[in-house]
N, C-alpha and C. Protein backbone atom coordinates (compact mmCIF):
# COMPACT_ATOMS: atom_id res chain seq x y z
N MET A 1 10.78 -20.27 50.68
CA MET A 1 11.91 -19.28 51.16
C MET A 1 12.97 -19.14 49.99
N ILE A 2 13.26 -20.16 49.43
CA ILE A 2 14.24 -20.32 48.48
C ILE A 2 13.77 -19.57 47.14
N LEU A 3 12.52 -19.82 46.89
CA LEU A 3 11.74 -19.10 45.68
C LEU A 3 11.82 -17.61 45.80
N ASP A 4 11.45 -17.07 47.16
CA ASP A 4 11.70 -15.68 47.43
C ASP A 4 13.03 -15.02 47.18
N GLU A 5 14.14 -15.78 47.54
CA GLU A 5 15.49 -15.37 47.19
C GLU A 5 15.71 -15.22 45.58
N CYS A 6 15.21 -16.25 45.05
CA CYS A 6 15.39 -16.04 43.61
C CYS A 6 14.78 -14.98 42.88
N PHE A 7 13.47 -14.70 43.27
CA PHE A 7 12.84 -13.44 42.62
C PHE A 7 13.31 -12.33 43.11
N SER A 8 13.92 -12.12 44.33
CA SER A 8 14.45 -10.95 44.82
C SER A 8 15.64 -10.53 44.10
N ASN A 9 16.39 -11.53 43.75
CA ASN A 9 17.64 -11.31 42.75
C ASN A 9 17.48 -11.04 41.40
N ALA A 10 16.30 -11.45 40.82
CA ALA A 10 16.09 -11.24 39.37
C ALA A 10 15.77 -9.85 38.88
N GLY A 11 15.58 -8.89 39.80
CA GLY A 11 15.48 -7.48 39.58
C GLY A 11 16.65 -6.95 39.00
N PRO A 12 17.75 -6.97 39.54
CA PRO A 12 19.09 -6.47 38.75
C PRO A 12 19.37 -7.00 37.47
N TRP A 13 18.97 -8.37 37.44
CA TRP A 13 19.49 -9.24 36.06
C TRP A 13 18.39 -8.48 35.06
N GLN A 14 17.14 -8.27 35.32
CA GLN A 14 16.26 -7.68 34.28
C GLN A 14 16.49 -6.29 33.81
N VAL A 15 17.14 -5.63 34.74
CA VAL A 15 17.45 -4.23 34.57
C VAL A 15 18.75 -4.22 33.67
N SER A 16 19.64 -4.97 33.94
CA SER A 16 20.83 -5.24 33.06
C SER A 16 20.60 -5.58 31.74
N ARG A 17 19.61 -6.56 31.51
CA ARG A 17 19.18 -7.11 30.17
C ARG A 17 18.33 -6.00 29.57
N ARG A 18 17.70 -5.03 30.15
CA ARG A 18 17.05 -4.00 29.45
C ARG A 18 18.13 -3.00 28.88
N SER A 19 19.05 -2.78 29.82
CA SER A 19 20.00 -1.66 29.39
C SER A 19 20.80 -2.20 28.08
N ALA A 20 21.30 -3.47 28.22
CA ALA A 20 21.82 -4.18 27.18
C ALA A 20 21.18 -4.04 25.87
N LYS A 21 19.87 -4.34 25.91
CA LYS A 21 18.99 -4.32 24.88
C LYS A 21 19.12 -2.80 24.17
N HIS A 22 18.89 -2.05 25.34
CA HIS A 22 18.76 -0.42 24.73
C HIS A 22 20.10 -0.18 24.16
N PHE A 23 21.15 -0.71 24.54
CA PHE A 23 22.54 -0.03 24.03
C PHE A 23 22.58 -0.87 22.70
N ARG A 24 22.25 -2.04 22.54
CA ARG A 24 22.31 -2.56 20.99
C ARG A 24 21.41 -1.72 20.28
N ILE A 25 20.19 -1.37 20.50
CA ILE A 25 19.16 -0.70 19.59
C ILE A 25 19.79 0.66 19.30
N SER A 26 20.43 1.33 20.33
CA SER A 26 20.91 2.81 20.19
C SER A 26 22.25 2.76 19.25
N LYS A 27 23.01 1.52 19.53
CA LYS A 27 24.19 1.32 18.55
C LYS A 27 23.81 1.11 16.99
N LEU A 28 22.70 0.45 17.12
CA LEU A 28 22.04 0.22 15.64
C LEU A 28 21.70 1.61 15.00
N ASN A 29 21.08 2.35 15.82
CA ASN A 29 20.57 3.54 15.18
C ASN A 29 21.66 4.42 14.90
N CYS A 30 22.80 4.47 15.48
CA CYS A 30 23.80 5.40 15.29
C CYS A 30 24.71 4.79 14.04
N LYS A 31 24.77 3.63 13.75
CA LYS A 31 25.77 3.18 12.90
C LYS A 31 25.16 2.52 11.44
N TRP A 32 23.76 2.17 11.63
CA TRP A 32 23.13 1.68 10.40
C TRP A 32 23.24 2.57 9.22
N LYS A 33 23.27 4.04 9.37
CA LYS A 33 23.44 4.81 8.22
C LYS A 33 24.68 5.08 7.77
N ARG A 34 25.81 5.00 8.45
CA ARG A 34 27.19 5.23 8.11
C ARG A 34 27.80 3.93 7.41
N GLN A 35 27.30 2.73 7.60
CA GLN A 35 27.91 1.57 7.20
C GLN A 35 27.81 1.39 5.68
N ASP A 36 26.46 1.45 5.41
CA ASP A 36 26.09 1.04 3.96
C ASP A 36 25.53 2.06 3.14
N ALA A 37 25.90 2.24 2.00
CA ALA A 37 25.31 3.37 1.12
C ALA A 37 23.77 2.96 0.61
N ALA A 38 23.54 1.70 0.58
CA ALA A 38 22.30 1.28 0.04
C ALA A 38 21.88 0.06 0.90
N TYR A 39 20.50 -0.10 1.15
CA TYR A 39 20.21 -1.36 1.95
C TYR A 39 19.15 -2.13 0.84
N TRP A 40 19.42 -3.56 1.22
CA TRP A 40 18.55 -4.51 0.25
C TRP A 40 17.41 -4.91 1.34
N LEU A 41 16.17 -4.41 1.24
CA LEU A 41 15.32 -4.68 2.27
C LEU A 41 14.88 -6.17 2.35
N GLY A 42 15.12 -6.90 1.03
CA GLY A 42 14.64 -8.15 1.11
C GLY A 42 15.66 -9.05 1.97
N ALA A 43 16.73 -8.60 2.42
CA ALA A 43 17.71 -9.30 3.32
C ALA A 43 17.07 -9.27 4.63
N PHE A 44 16.31 -8.45 5.01
CA PHE A 44 15.98 -8.45 6.54
C PHE A 44 14.55 -9.33 6.69
N PHE A 45 14.58 -10.04 7.58
CA PHE A 45 13.55 -10.74 8.23
C PHE A 45 12.25 -9.74 8.43
N ASN A 46 12.45 -8.80 8.89
CA ASN A 46 11.24 -7.88 9.04
C ASN A 46 11.58 -6.57 8.45
N PRO A 47 11.35 -6.17 7.28
CA PRO A 47 11.64 -4.93 6.68
C PRO A 47 10.85 -3.72 7.19
N HIS A 48 9.60 -4.16 7.95
CA HIS A 48 8.72 -3.18 8.42
C HIS A 48 9.49 -2.50 9.63
N ALA A 49 10.19 -3.40 10.41
CA ALA A 49 10.96 -2.71 11.55
C ALA A 49 11.85 -1.57 11.06
N LEU A 50 12.64 -2.02 9.97
CA LEU A 50 13.65 -1.20 9.40
C LEU A 50 13.15 0.13 9.04
N ILE A 51 12.09 0.17 8.27
CA ILE A 51 11.23 1.40 7.92
C ILE A 51 10.94 2.09 9.14
N ALA A 52 10.58 1.45 10.15
CA ALA A 52 10.19 2.15 11.46
C ALA A 52 11.20 2.73 12.04
N ILE A 53 12.51 2.23 11.95
CA ILE A 53 13.73 2.89 12.51
C ILE A 53 14.15 4.18 11.78
N PHE A 54 13.90 3.95 10.47
CA PHE A 54 14.26 5.15 9.80
C PHE A 54 13.16 6.33 9.99
N LYS A 55 11.93 5.93 10.26
CA LYS A 55 10.96 7.00 10.51
C LYS A 55 11.21 7.67 11.94
N GLN A 56 11.69 6.69 12.94
CA GLN A 56 11.88 7.40 14.13
C GLN A 56 13.09 8.17 14.15
N GLU A 57 14.01 8.04 13.29
CA GLU A 57 15.03 9.05 13.10
C GLU A 57 14.64 10.15 12.54
N ALA A 58 13.73 10.22 11.56
CA ALA A 58 13.31 11.24 10.96
C ALA A 58 12.38 12.13 11.97
N VAL A 59 11.50 11.71 12.53
CA VAL A 59 10.72 12.09 13.55
C VAL A 59 11.49 12.84 14.70
N ARG A 60 12.53 12.21 15.10
CA ARG A 60 13.50 12.72 16.18
C ARG A 60 14.33 13.97 15.36
N ASN A 61 14.77 14.02 14.27
CA ASN A 61 15.32 15.11 13.57
C ASN A 61 14.49 16.34 13.51
N HIS A 62 13.20 15.92 13.15
CA HIS A 62 12.25 17.20 12.88
C HIS A 62 12.08 17.69 14.48
N LEU A 63 11.77 16.87 15.39
CA LEU A 63 11.57 17.26 16.69
C LEU A 63 12.54 18.27 17.02
N GLU A 64 13.97 17.84 16.86
CA GLU A 64 15.13 18.87 17.36
C GLU A 64 15.09 20.11 16.47
N LYS A 65 14.69 20.11 15.24
CA LYS A 65 14.71 21.36 14.52
C LYS A 65 13.55 22.34 14.87
N THR A 66 12.36 21.77 14.94
CA THR A 66 11.08 22.48 15.24
C THR A 66 10.53 22.57 16.66
N GLY A 67 10.91 21.43 17.32
CA GLY A 67 10.16 21.34 18.78
C GLY A 67 8.88 20.85 18.59
N SER A 68 8.36 20.45 17.50
CA SER A 68 7.03 19.97 17.39
C SER A 68 6.92 18.35 16.66
N VAL A 69 5.90 17.83 16.76
CA VAL A 69 5.93 16.64 16.12
C VAL A 69 4.64 16.77 15.13
N ASP A 70 5.05 16.76 13.79
CA ASP A 70 4.06 17.14 12.83
C ASP A 70 3.85 15.58 12.15
N ASN A 71 2.92 15.50 11.21
CA ASN A 71 2.52 14.36 10.48
C ASN A 71 3.64 14.18 9.45
N ILE A 72 4.51 13.17 9.75
CA ILE A 72 5.73 12.75 8.75
C ILE A 72 5.28 11.57 8.21
N VAL A 73 5.45 11.70 6.70
CA VAL A 73 5.01 10.49 5.79
C VAL A 73 6.40 10.16 4.97
N LEU A 74 6.34 8.79 4.43
CA LEU A 74 7.20 8.36 3.62
C LEU A 74 7.01 8.84 2.21
N GLN A 75 8.17 9.23 1.69
CA GLN A 75 8.17 9.61 0.10
C GLN A 75 9.44 9.06 -0.50
N THR A 76 9.07 8.29 -1.72
CA THR A 76 10.07 7.48 -2.51
C THR A 76 10.30 8.10 -3.63
N GLU A 77 11.63 8.09 -4.39
CA GLU A 77 11.91 8.52 -5.64
C GLU A 77 12.72 7.43 -6.30
N ILE A 78 12.28 6.98 -7.40
CA ILE A 78 13.05 6.13 -8.23
C ILE A 78 14.23 6.80 -8.88
N THR A 79 15.52 6.70 -8.65
CA THR A 79 16.68 7.32 -9.23
C THR A 79 17.20 6.30 -10.50
N GLN A 80 18.01 6.98 -11.12
CA GLN A 80 18.66 6.51 -12.21
C GLN A 80 19.97 5.80 -11.93
N ARG A 81 20.17 5.66 -10.50
CA ARG A 81 21.58 4.96 -10.18
C ARG A 81 21.45 3.59 -9.77
N ASP A 82 22.55 2.78 -10.10
CA ASP A 82 22.63 1.67 -10.00
C ASP A 82 23.36 1.35 -8.54
N LYS A 83 23.21 0.25 -7.80
CA LYS A 83 23.78 -0.07 -6.51
C LYS A 83 25.20 -0.36 -6.74
N ASP A 84 25.67 -0.65 -7.80
CA ASP A 84 27.17 -0.95 -7.92
C ASP A 84 28.00 0.24 -7.93
N HIS A 85 27.46 1.35 -8.47
CA HIS A 85 27.96 2.59 -8.53
C HIS A 85 27.92 3.55 -7.49
N LEU A 86 27.45 2.99 -6.54
CA LEU A 86 27.14 4.03 -5.25
C LEU A 86 28.15 3.85 -4.17
N ARG A 87 28.75 5.07 -3.77
CA ARG A 87 29.72 5.02 -2.84
C ARG A 87 29.38 5.72 -1.51
N ASP A 88 28.60 6.64 -1.39
CA ASP A 88 28.08 7.37 -0.09
C ASP A 88 26.61 7.30 0.14
N PRO A 89 26.24 7.20 1.29
CA PRO A 89 24.82 7.21 1.49
C PRO A 89 24.30 8.68 1.26
N PRO A 90 23.01 9.05 0.94
CA PRO A 90 22.49 10.25 0.71
C PRO A 90 22.49 11.07 2.21
N SER A 91 22.65 12.39 1.85
CA SER A 91 22.58 13.32 3.14
C SER A 91 21.35 13.23 3.90
N GLU A 92 19.92 12.92 3.32
CA GLU A 92 18.99 12.72 3.94
C GLU A 92 18.30 11.38 3.66
N GLY A 93 17.52 10.57 4.38
CA GLY A 93 17.07 9.38 4.01
C GLY A 93 18.14 8.28 3.58
N VAL A 94 17.56 7.38 2.99
CA VAL A 94 18.37 6.13 2.59
C VAL A 94 18.27 5.63 1.31
N PHE A 95 19.23 4.92 0.76
CA PHE A 95 18.99 4.18 -0.51
C PHE A 95 18.73 2.88 -0.27
N SER A 96 17.67 2.17 -1.07
CA SER A 96 17.37 1.00 -1.08
C SER A 96 17.37 0.36 -2.63
N HIS A 97 17.82 -0.96 -2.57
CA HIS A 97 17.73 -1.75 -3.87
C HIS A 97 17.17 -2.95 -3.72
N GLY A 98 16.84 -3.65 -4.77
CA GLY A 98 16.45 -4.97 -4.89
C GLY A 98 14.84 -4.79 -4.65
N VAL A 99 14.14 -3.88 -5.34
CA VAL A 99 12.68 -3.93 -5.20
C VAL A 99 12.22 -4.37 -6.73
N TYR A 100 11.35 -5.30 -6.75
CA TYR A 100 10.90 -6.01 -7.90
C TYR A 100 9.40 -5.51 -8.22
N LEU A 101 9.24 -5.10 -9.44
CA LEU A 101 7.98 -4.53 -9.84
C LEU A 101 7.18 -5.55 -10.54
N TRP A 102 6.00 -5.63 -10.28
CA TRP A 102 4.98 -6.74 -11.19
C TRP A 102 3.97 -5.87 -11.66
N GLY A 103 3.66 -6.04 -13.17
CA GLY A 103 2.76 -5.36 -13.64
C GLY A 103 2.87 -4.16 -14.40
N GLY A 104 4.48 -3.75 -14.50
CA GLY A 104 4.97 -2.78 -15.05
C GLY A 104 6.53 -2.80 -15.14
N SER A 105 7.16 -2.10 -15.87
CA SER A 105 8.65 -2.10 -16.13
C SER A 105 9.18 -0.64 -16.10
N TRP A 106 10.23 -0.50 -15.56
CA TRP A 106 11.00 0.66 -15.70
C TRP A 106 12.00 0.85 -16.76
N GLU A 107 11.85 1.89 -17.50
CA GLU A 107 12.72 2.20 -18.54
C GLU A 107 13.97 3.05 -17.94
N LYS A 108 15.19 2.56 -17.99
CA LYS A 108 16.22 3.15 -17.41
C LYS A 108 16.72 4.36 -18.29
N THR A 109 16.55 4.20 -19.63
CA THR A 109 17.14 5.31 -20.51
C THR A 109 16.12 6.62 -20.39
N THR A 110 14.96 6.39 -20.23
CA THR A 110 13.92 7.67 -20.23
C THR A 110 13.58 7.94 -18.64
N GLY A 111 13.88 6.98 -17.85
CA GLY A 111 13.26 7.27 -16.42
C GLY A 111 11.94 7.29 -16.21
N GLU A 112 11.08 6.24 -16.84
CA GLU A 112 9.57 6.31 -16.80
C GLU A 112 9.22 5.08 -16.63
N MET A 113 8.07 4.84 -16.06
CA MET A 113 7.29 3.76 -15.96
C MET A 113 6.57 3.17 -17.21
N GLN A 114 6.71 1.90 -17.54
CA GLN A 114 6.04 1.55 -18.93
C GLN A 114 5.35 0.31 -18.56
N ASP A 115 4.51 -0.11 -19.50
CA ASP A 115 3.55 -1.32 -19.41
C ASP A 115 4.75 -2.76 -19.50
N THR A 116 4.48 -3.69 -18.97
CA THR A 116 5.37 -4.83 -19.10
C THR A 116 5.23 -5.57 -20.45
N PRO A 117 6.05 -5.84 -21.01
CA PRO A 117 5.92 -6.75 -22.22
C PRO A 117 5.11 -8.06 -21.93
N PRO A 118 4.43 -8.64 -22.83
CA PRO A 118 3.55 -9.99 -22.43
C PRO A 118 4.71 -11.01 -21.93
N LYS A 119 4.07 -11.89 -21.12
CA LYS A 119 4.75 -13.04 -20.67
C LYS A 119 6.13 -12.59 -19.85
N ARG A 120 6.31 -11.62 -19.26
CA ARG A 120 7.61 -11.33 -18.67
C ARG A 120 7.28 -11.37 -17.08
N GLY A 121 8.19 -11.64 -16.40
CA GLY A 121 8.28 -11.73 -14.95
C GLY A 121 8.43 -10.50 -14.33
N PRO A 122 8.97 -10.27 -12.95
CA PRO A 122 9.12 -8.87 -12.43
C PRO A 122 10.40 -8.39 -12.98
N THR A 123 10.29 -7.02 -12.81
CA THR A 123 11.61 -6.28 -13.33
C THR A 123 12.09 -5.64 -12.13
N ASN A 124 13.53 -5.68 -11.98
CA ASN A 124 14.15 -4.96 -11.07
C ASN A 124 14.26 -3.54 -11.21
N LEU A 125 13.98 -2.62 -10.07
CA LEU A 125 14.05 -1.25 -10.21
C LEU A 125 15.41 -0.98 -9.74
N PRO A 126 15.87 0.36 -10.37
CA PRO A 126 17.29 0.92 -9.77
C PRO A 126 16.87 1.28 -8.38
N LEU A 127 17.96 2.00 -7.82
CA LEU A 127 17.90 2.47 -6.33
C LEU A 127 16.85 3.32 -6.08
N LEU A 128 16.17 3.06 -4.83
CA LEU A 128 15.09 3.91 -4.44
C LEU A 128 15.79 5.05 -3.41
N HIS A 129 15.14 6.14 -3.29
CA HIS A 129 15.68 7.20 -2.44
C HIS A 129 14.44 7.22 -1.57
N VAL A 130 14.78 6.84 -0.25
CA VAL A 130 13.55 6.65 0.67
C VAL A 130 13.74 7.58 1.80
N THR A 131 12.76 8.86 1.76
CA THR A 131 12.85 9.83 2.66
C THR A 131 11.69 9.96 3.52
N PHE A 132 11.60 10.64 4.53
CA PHE A 132 10.43 11.04 5.31
C PHE A 132 10.48 12.58 5.30
N VAL A 133 9.22 13.05 5.04
CA VAL A 133 9.03 14.41 4.92
C VAL A 133 7.67 14.86 5.37
N LEU A 134 7.41 16.17 5.80
CA LEU A 134 5.99 16.54 6.33
C LEU A 134 5.12 16.26 5.32
N GLU A 135 3.80 15.81 5.85
CA GLU A 135 2.84 15.66 4.75
C GLU A 135 2.52 16.71 4.00
N SER A 136 2.65 17.91 4.39
CA SER A 136 2.25 19.08 3.53
C SER A 136 3.25 19.24 2.47
N LYS A 137 4.38 18.75 2.62
CA LYS A 137 5.42 18.83 1.62
C LYS A 137 5.65 17.79 0.72
N LYS A 138 4.86 16.67 0.89
CA LYS A 138 4.94 15.53 0.04
C LYS A 138 4.63 15.92 -1.36
N LEU A 139 5.17 15.19 -2.31
CA LEU A 139 4.97 15.25 -3.78
C LEU A 139 3.42 15.18 -4.12
N GLY A 140 2.88 16.13 -4.68
CA GLY A 140 1.37 15.99 -5.06
C GLY A 140 0.56 16.23 -3.69
N ALA A 141 0.91 17.10 -2.77
CA ALA A 141 -0.01 17.08 -1.63
C ALA A 141 -1.08 18.05 -1.96
N ALA A 142 -2.23 17.92 -1.23
CA ALA A 142 -3.39 18.81 -1.64
C ALA A 142 -3.10 20.18 -1.46
N SER A 143 -2.10 20.51 -0.65
CA SER A 143 -1.90 22.09 -0.52
C SER A 143 -1.09 22.64 -1.50
N ASP A 144 -0.59 21.75 -2.55
CA ASP A 144 0.08 22.30 -3.69
C ASP A 144 -0.83 22.55 -4.82
N LEU A 145 -1.03 23.87 -4.76
CA LEU A 145 -2.41 24.56 -5.69
C LEU A 145 -1.62 24.78 -6.91
N VAL A 146 -0.22 25.01 -7.06
CA VAL A 146 0.34 25.57 -8.38
C VAL A 146 0.17 24.41 -9.32
N ARG A 147 0.62 23.09 -9.11
CA ARG A 147 0.69 22.09 -9.92
C ARG A 147 0.32 20.78 -9.24
N PRO A 148 -0.70 20.18 -9.04
CA PRO A 148 -0.86 19.01 -8.17
C PRO A 148 -0.22 17.84 -8.86
N VAL A 149 0.41 17.01 -8.47
CA VAL A 149 1.08 15.94 -9.13
C VAL A 149 0.04 14.66 -9.00
N ASP A 150 -0.21 13.88 -9.99
CA ASP A 150 -0.96 12.60 -9.84
C ASP A 150 -0.08 11.47 -9.64
N TYR A 151 0.00 11.08 -8.66
CA TYR A 151 0.93 9.85 -8.37
C TYR A 151 0.13 8.70 -8.10
N TYR A 152 0.63 7.52 -8.31
CA TYR A 152 0.22 6.24 -7.82
C TYR A 152 0.76 5.61 -6.58
N GLY A 153 0.44 5.50 -5.50
CA GLY A 153 1.00 4.67 -4.36
C GLY A 153 1.00 3.31 -4.56
N CYS A 154 2.19 2.91 -5.31
CA CYS A 154 2.33 1.48 -5.41
C CYS A 154 2.60 0.48 -4.16
N PRO A 155 1.79 -0.28 -3.73
CA PRO A 155 2.35 -1.04 -2.50
C PRO A 155 3.46 -1.79 -2.56
N VAL A 156 4.31 -1.88 -1.70
CA VAL A 156 5.58 -2.83 -1.79
C VAL A 156 5.45 -3.77 -0.78
N TYR A 157 5.23 -5.06 -1.27
CA TYR A 157 5.03 -6.17 -0.19
C TYR A 157 6.48 -6.70 0.17
N VAL A 158 6.54 -7.66 1.23
CA VAL A 158 7.77 -8.45 1.52
C VAL A 158 7.85 -9.38 0.14
N SER A 159 6.92 -10.24 -0.21
CA SER A 159 6.97 -11.01 -1.33
C SER A 159 5.57 -11.04 -1.74
N THR A 160 5.35 -11.64 -2.87
CA THR A 160 4.08 -11.84 -3.59
C THR A 160 3.16 -12.94 -2.93
N THR A 161 3.98 -13.58 -2.08
CA THR A 161 2.89 -14.73 -1.38
C THR A 161 2.82 -14.39 0.17
N SER A 162 3.37 -13.22 0.41
CA SER A 162 3.38 -12.97 1.93
C SER A 162 2.07 -12.33 2.49
N GLU A 163 1.99 -12.18 3.74
CA GLU A 163 0.75 -11.51 4.28
C GLU A 163 0.56 -10.13 3.64
N ARG A 164 -0.66 -9.73 3.32
CA ARG A 164 -0.94 -8.73 2.37
C ARG A 164 -0.93 -7.45 3.34
N LYS A 165 0.21 -6.99 3.90
CA LYS A 165 0.60 -5.77 4.75
C LYS A 165 1.69 -5.24 3.80
N PRO A 166 1.42 -4.16 3.18
CA PRO A 166 2.55 -3.55 2.47
C PRO A 166 3.80 -2.99 3.48
N VAL A 167 4.86 -3.07 2.96
CA VAL A 167 6.10 -2.53 3.82
C VAL A 167 6.05 -0.99 3.76
N PHE A 168 5.71 -0.52 2.53
CA PHE A 168 5.67 1.01 2.14
C PHE A 168 4.99 1.09 0.81
N GLU A 169 4.60 2.27 0.47
CA GLU A 169 4.10 2.63 -0.90
C GLU A 169 5.28 3.36 -1.63
N LEU A 170 5.40 2.85 -2.80
CA LEU A 170 6.35 3.50 -3.83
C LEU A 170 5.67 4.44 -4.58
N ASP A 171 6.01 5.64 -4.72
CA ASP A 171 5.50 6.82 -5.43
C ASP A 171 5.85 6.69 -6.90
N VAL A 172 4.75 6.39 -7.77
CA VAL A 172 4.89 6.16 -9.10
C VAL A 172 4.33 7.42 -9.93
N VAL A 173 5.18 8.29 -10.49
CA VAL A 173 4.81 9.42 -11.17
C VAL A 173 5.08 9.28 -12.71
N ARG A 174 4.19 9.62 -13.71
CA ARG A 174 4.46 9.50 -15.07
C ARG A 174 3.62 10.58 -15.60
N GLU A 175 4.10 11.71 -16.20
CA GLU A 175 3.24 12.67 -16.83
C GLU A 175 2.29 12.25 -17.93
N SER A 176 1.35 12.72 -18.12
CA SER A 176 0.34 12.52 -19.04
C SER A 176 -0.19 11.22 -19.15
N ILE A 177 -0.16 10.52 -18.03
CA ILE A 177 -0.68 9.01 -17.77
C ILE A 177 -1.36 9.14 -16.38
N PRO A 178 -2.62 9.02 -16.27
CA PRO A 178 -3.39 9.17 -14.90
C PRO A 178 -2.82 7.80 -14.08
N SER A 179 -3.04 8.19 -12.72
CA SER A 179 -2.41 7.09 -11.76
C SER A 179 -3.63 6.07 -11.62
N SER A 180 -4.61 6.27 -12.25
CA SER A 180 -5.64 5.22 -12.26
C SER A 180 -5.22 3.96 -13.08
N ARG A 181 -4.50 4.47 -14.26
CA ARG A 181 -4.01 3.40 -15.12
C ARG A 181 -3.21 2.30 -14.40
N TRP A 182 -2.22 2.55 -13.60
CA TRP A 182 -1.44 1.59 -12.99
C TRP A 182 -2.10 0.73 -11.70
N ALA A 183 -3.24 1.41 -11.27
CA ALA A 183 -4.14 0.60 -10.34
C ALA A 183 -4.84 -0.40 -11.23
N LEU A 184 -5.30 -0.07 -12.26
CA LEU A 184 -6.11 -1.03 -13.02
C LEU A 184 -5.24 -2.14 -13.63
N ARG A 185 -4.00 -1.77 -13.89
CA ARG A 185 -3.08 -2.87 -14.29
C ARG A 185 -2.44 -3.92 -13.15
N GLY A 186 -2.91 -3.45 -12.04
CA GLY A 186 -2.47 -4.19 -10.86
C GLY A 186 -1.00 -4.28 -10.50
N LEU A 187 -0.40 -2.87 -10.65
CA LEU A 187 0.97 -2.60 -10.29
C LEU A 187 1.17 -2.81 -8.78
N THR A 188 2.05 -3.87 -8.61
CA THR A 188 2.43 -3.93 -7.15
C THR A 188 4.15 -4.17 -7.35
N ALA A 189 4.75 -4.03 -6.05
CA ALA A 189 6.07 -4.45 -5.98
C ALA A 189 6.38 -5.30 -4.65
N ALA A 190 7.72 -5.98 -4.71
CA ALA A 190 8.03 -6.61 -3.49
C ALA A 190 9.46 -6.71 -3.57
N VAL A 191 9.81 -6.87 -2.14
CA VAL A 191 11.30 -6.75 -1.88
C VAL A 191 12.01 -8.03 -2.15
N ARG A 192 11.34 -8.99 -2.39
CA ARG A 192 11.84 -10.35 -2.58
C ARG A 192 11.20 -10.65 -3.95
N PRO A 193 11.86 -11.36 -4.96
CA PRO A 193 11.46 -11.82 -6.25
C PRO A 193 10.30 -12.99 -6.24
N PHE A 194 10.11 -13.38 -5.19
CA PHE A 194 9.13 -14.57 -5.21
C PHE A 194 7.72 -14.20 -4.43
């Protein structure tokens, strides 16, 4: 009898817990973009979840504009900006910093990917502009018949010792160099330097 009373009172408690959780998540969705100009993905315990939140917002925005849910994919661009000189977040997408590159280096003056000098560790990339776009509008899409771009989808892991599930793929483009070169060099990236 006492056990039945305990379970009958648990219903409202569960409903209030669910609404509190929904409030916290919706508050995070509203405020995450306006507080920080750039995010360090290595500071998050689960950066996959943060990327999922970004994708949910992009899908929601696309659904409001067009009324349909199309295939939306992640697109990254390596910028020339430094996180210390950044004031405002981008109008679309987010900026991310603290991505470390293994097997290649980024030349800041020319803005191009280069081979790593011998016996060097990881190199830190400048800010990444992470956006979600329609698959048909992504850089180098198959539908781009004018000038298809050959890019390498460099996997970005949580760390070099973590489970081998990438957080996202970094789009590496360099003209006159085929993307197979970076794959043969073993170019990878991580959001933590270890």
